[in-house]
Amino acid sequence: MRLAFKFSVLTRIQIKVVPGQNITIREARAEDVETLLRFEQGVVIAERPFDPTLKPHPNYYYDIQQMIADPLVQLVVAERNGQLIGCGYARIEKAKPYAKHEHQAYLGFMYVEPACRGRNINHMIIENLKEWCIKQGITEMRLDVYNDNLAAIKAYEKAGFTRLMIHMRMGLS
């Protein structure tokens, strides 16, 4: 389903270089797909302990090539010295009919290589996506995080997110 958007052209964010760390946040490109597929498996492996319903390996969450092409998705990568070290996306979607806002951005595929964690890279990616969302006229960002993934919750709260709702499940077999 395509959203009827009031914007004639969605704005793309320019490449951002983070001084002192030699880290660039830029839009993902077709030549990044192989690395992004590896990052995707990193996300699946990290989430598997929190979700007993995940299919066995390999498991795929995203159509990365479609995300790169979709004007309602901003998929970015963090790059250091020519190597991809992280990624994340914002997807503009219609908000629930009862929400104050008409559209919102959903953030996902937040990943940073284990050797590069603890350097604020996830925060840089979120800030880049936030800037893109603001330029699209979006006033609300949302994301999902597993209840027991305390490190991720802490990182998202540090970036300005607040807890809103707990999503619950019950297995029936």
Protein backbone atom coordinates (compact mmCIF):
# COMPACT_ATOMS: atom_id res chain seq x y z
CA MET A 1 0.00 0.00 0.00
CA ARG A 2 1.37 3.40 -0.98
CA LEU A 3 0.69 6.37 1.22
CA ALA A 4 -0.92 9.41 -0.32
CA PHE A 5 1.75 11.91 0.63
CA LYS A 6 1.41 15.66 0.76
CA PHE A 7 5.07 16.08 -0.19
CA SER A 8 5.83 16.28 -3.89
CA VAL A 9 9.45 15.18 -3.43
CA LEU A 10 10.85 13.47 -0.39
CA THR A 11 14.08 15.08 0.77
CA ARG A 12 17.24 12.99 0.97
CA ILE A 13 19.88 13.73 3.59
CA GLN A 14 23.37 14.56 2.43
CA ILE A 15 26.40 12.61 3.57
CA LYS A 16 27.45 13.52 7.12
CA VAL A 17 30.99 13.18 8.36
CA VAL A 18 31.50 12.95 12.12
CA PRO A 19 34.65 14.92 13.01
CA GLY A 20 37.29 13.21 15.11
CA GLN A 21 35.99 9.69 14.51
CA ASN A 22 36.36 9.50 10.73
CA ILE A 23 32.80 8.14 10.54
CA THR A 24 30.48 8.96 7.67
CA ILE A 25 26.71 8.47 7.79
CA ARG A 26 25.34 8.13 4.27
CA GLU A 27 22.49 6.61 2.30
CA ALA A 28 22.85 2.92 1.55
CA ARG A 29 23.63 2.03 -2.06
CA ALA A 30 23.18 -1.11 -4.16
CA GLU A 31 26.85 -2.04 -3.68
CA ASP A 32 26.25 -2.16 0.11
CA VAL A 33 23.70 -4.99 -0.10
CA GLU A 34 26.14 -7.86 0.59
CA THR A 35 27.36 -6.22 3.81
CA LEU A 36 23.81 -5.25 4.78
CA LEU A 37 22.73 -8.89 4.41
CA ARG A 38 25.51 -9.81 6.85
CA PHE A 39 24.36 -7.05 9.22
CA GLU A 40 20.81 -8.41 8.96
CA GLN A 41 22.01 -11.81 10.17
CA GLY A 42 23.77 -10.00 13.03
CA VAL A 43 20.42 -8.51 14.03
CA VAL A 44 18.73 -11.93 13.84
CA ILE A 45 21.47 -13.55 15.95
CA ALA A 46 21.25 -10.74 18.53
CA GLU A 47 17.45 -11.01 18.74
CA ARG A 48 17.18 -14.82 18.77
CA PRO A 49 17.68 -15.13 22.58
CA PHE A 50 14.76 -12.73 23.12
CA ASP A 51 12.28 -14.32 20.68
CA PRO A 52 11.44 -18.04 20.78
CA THR A 53 9.21 -17.64 17.70
CA LEU A 54 12.01 -16.88 15.21
CA LYS A 55 12.54 -19.40 12.40
CA PRO A 56 15.85 -21.29 12.33
CA HIS A 57 18.92 -19.79 10.66
CA PRO A 58 19.06 -18.26 8.11
CA ASN A 59 16.21 -15.87 8.72
CA TYR A 60 15.56 -12.69 6.76
CA TYR A 61 13.63 -9.64 7.98
CA TYR A 62 14.12 -7.15 5.15
CA ASP A 63 14.03 -6.72 1.39
CA ILE A 64 17.14 -4.54 1.39
CA GLN A 65 17.17 -3.72 -2.32
CA GLN A 66 13.53 -2.61 -2.13
CA MET A 67 14.32 -0.48 0.94
CA ILE A 68 17.14 1.29 -0.92
CA ALA A 69 14.77 2.10 -3.81
CA ASP A 70 11.72 3.08 -1.72
CA PRO A 71 11.25 6.88 -1.42
CA LEU A 72 9.44 6.38 1.90
CA VAL A 73 12.46 4.63 3.42
CA GLN A 74 15.77 6.20 4.38
CA LEU A 75 18.29 3.37 4.84
CA VAL A 76 21.63 4.70 6.02
CA VAL A 77 25.00 3.17 6.77
CA ALA A 78 27.83 4.23 9.03
CA GLU A 79 31.18 3.99 7.28
CA ARG A 80 34.68 4.28 8.75
CA ASN A 81 37.77 4.24 6.54
CA GLY A 82 35.77 2.73 3.66
CA GLN A 83 34.29 -0.07 5.78
CA LEU A 84 30.61 -0.30 6.72
CA ILE A 85 30.23 -0.56 10.48
CA GLY A 86 26.52 0.05 11.10
CA CYS A 87 23.11 0.78 9.65
CA GLY A 88 19.51 1.73 10.35
CA TYR A 89 16.40 2.88 8.55
CA ALA A 90 13.38 5.12 8.96
CA ARG A 91 10.19 4.22 7.10
CA ILE A 92 7.35 6.70 6.80
CA GLU A 93 4.00 5.05 7.48
CA LYS A 94 0.44 6.03 8.17
CA ALA A 95 -0.25 6.46 11.88
CA LYS A 96 -3.17 4.80 13.66
CA PRO A 97 -6.43 6.65 13.03
CA TYR A 98 -6.68 7.69 16.67
CA ALA A 99 -3.19 9.28 16.80
CA LYS A 100 -2.71 13.05 16.81
CA HIS A 101 -0.27 12.77 13.90
CA GLU A 102 -1.20 11.53 10.42
CA HIS A 103 2.15 9.89 9.61
CA GLN A 104 5.05 8.62 11.66
CA ALA A 105 8.46 7.11 11.06
CA TYR A 106 9.25 3.59 12.10
CA LEU A 107 12.92 2.92 12.86
CA GLY A 108 14.49 -0.50 12.41
CA PHE A 109 17.51 -2.52 11.27
CA MET A 110 19.58 -0.71 13.89
CA TYR A 111 22.93 -2.47 13.87
CA VAL A 112 26.54 -1.64 14.77
CA GLU A 113 29.42 -4.08 14.35
CA PRO A 114 30.36 -5.53 17.75
CA ALA A 115 33.95 -4.17 17.58
CA CYS A 116 32.56 -0.64 17.02
CA ARG A 117 29.94 -0.54 19.77
CA GLY A 118 30.18 1.95 22.62
CA ARG A 119 31.25 4.79 20.31
CA ASN A 120 27.86 6.50 19.88
CA ILE A 121 27.48 5.20 16.31
CA ASN A 122 23.89 4.05 16.88
CA HIS A 123 23.11 7.54 18.21
CA MET A 124 24.70 9.13 15.09
CA ILE A 125 22.55 6.92 12.86
CA ILE A 126 19.40 7.84 14.81
CA GLU A 127 20.24 11.54 14.63
CA ASN A 128 20.69 11.27 10.85
CA LEU A 129 17.34 9.48 10.50
CA LYS A 130 15.70 12.00 12.82
CA GLU A 131 16.94 14.86 10.62
CA TRP A 132 15.54 13.13 7.52
CA CYS A 133 12.18 12.61 9.26
CA ILE A 134 11.96 16.25 10.27
CA LYS A 135 12.65 17.32 6.68
CA GLN A 136 9.73 15.11 5.61
CA GLY A 137 7.41 16.86 8.07
CA ILE A 138 7.27 13.85 10.38
CA THR A 139 6.73 14.65 14.07
CA GLU A 140 6.82 11.16 15.61
CA MET A 141 9.36 8.32 15.48
CA ARG A 142 8.66 4.83 16.80
CA LEU A 143 10.60 1.59 17.10
CA ASP A 144 10.26 -1.86 18.64
CA VAL A 145 12.72 -3.38 21.09
CA TYR A 146 12.55 -6.64 23.00
CA ASN A 147 11.57 -6.16 26.63
CA ASP A 148 14.61 -8.07 27.92
CA ASN A 149 17.10 -6.35 25.58
CA LEU A 150 18.24 -3.96 28.27
CA ALA A 151 21.32 -2.71 26.39
CA ALA A 152 19.20 -1.67 23.40
CA ILE A 153 16.56 -0.07 25.63
CA LYS A 154 19.26 1.94 27.39
CA ALA A 155 20.73 3.09 24.05
CA TYR A 156 17.32 4.16 22.72
CA GLU A 157 16.46 6.00 25.92
CA LYS A 158 19.83 7.77 25.73
CA ALA A 159 18.88 8.83 22.19
CA GLY A 160 15.61 10.35 23.48
CA PHE A 161 13.05 7.56 23.08
CA THR A 162 10.63 6.80 25.91
CA ARG A 163 8.82 3.56 26.71
CA LEU A 164 5.27 3.58 25.46
CA MET A 165 3.65 0.15 25.37
CA ILE A 166 4.51 -3.47 26.04
CA HIS A 167 3.69 -5.86 23.19
CA MET A 168 2.69 -9.25 24.63
CA ARG A 169 2.35 -12.75 23.20
CA MET A 170 1.07 -16.18 24.22
CA GLY A 171 2.10 -19.41 22.52
CA LEU A 172 -0.81 -21.81 22.08
CA SER A 173 0.99 -25.04 21.29
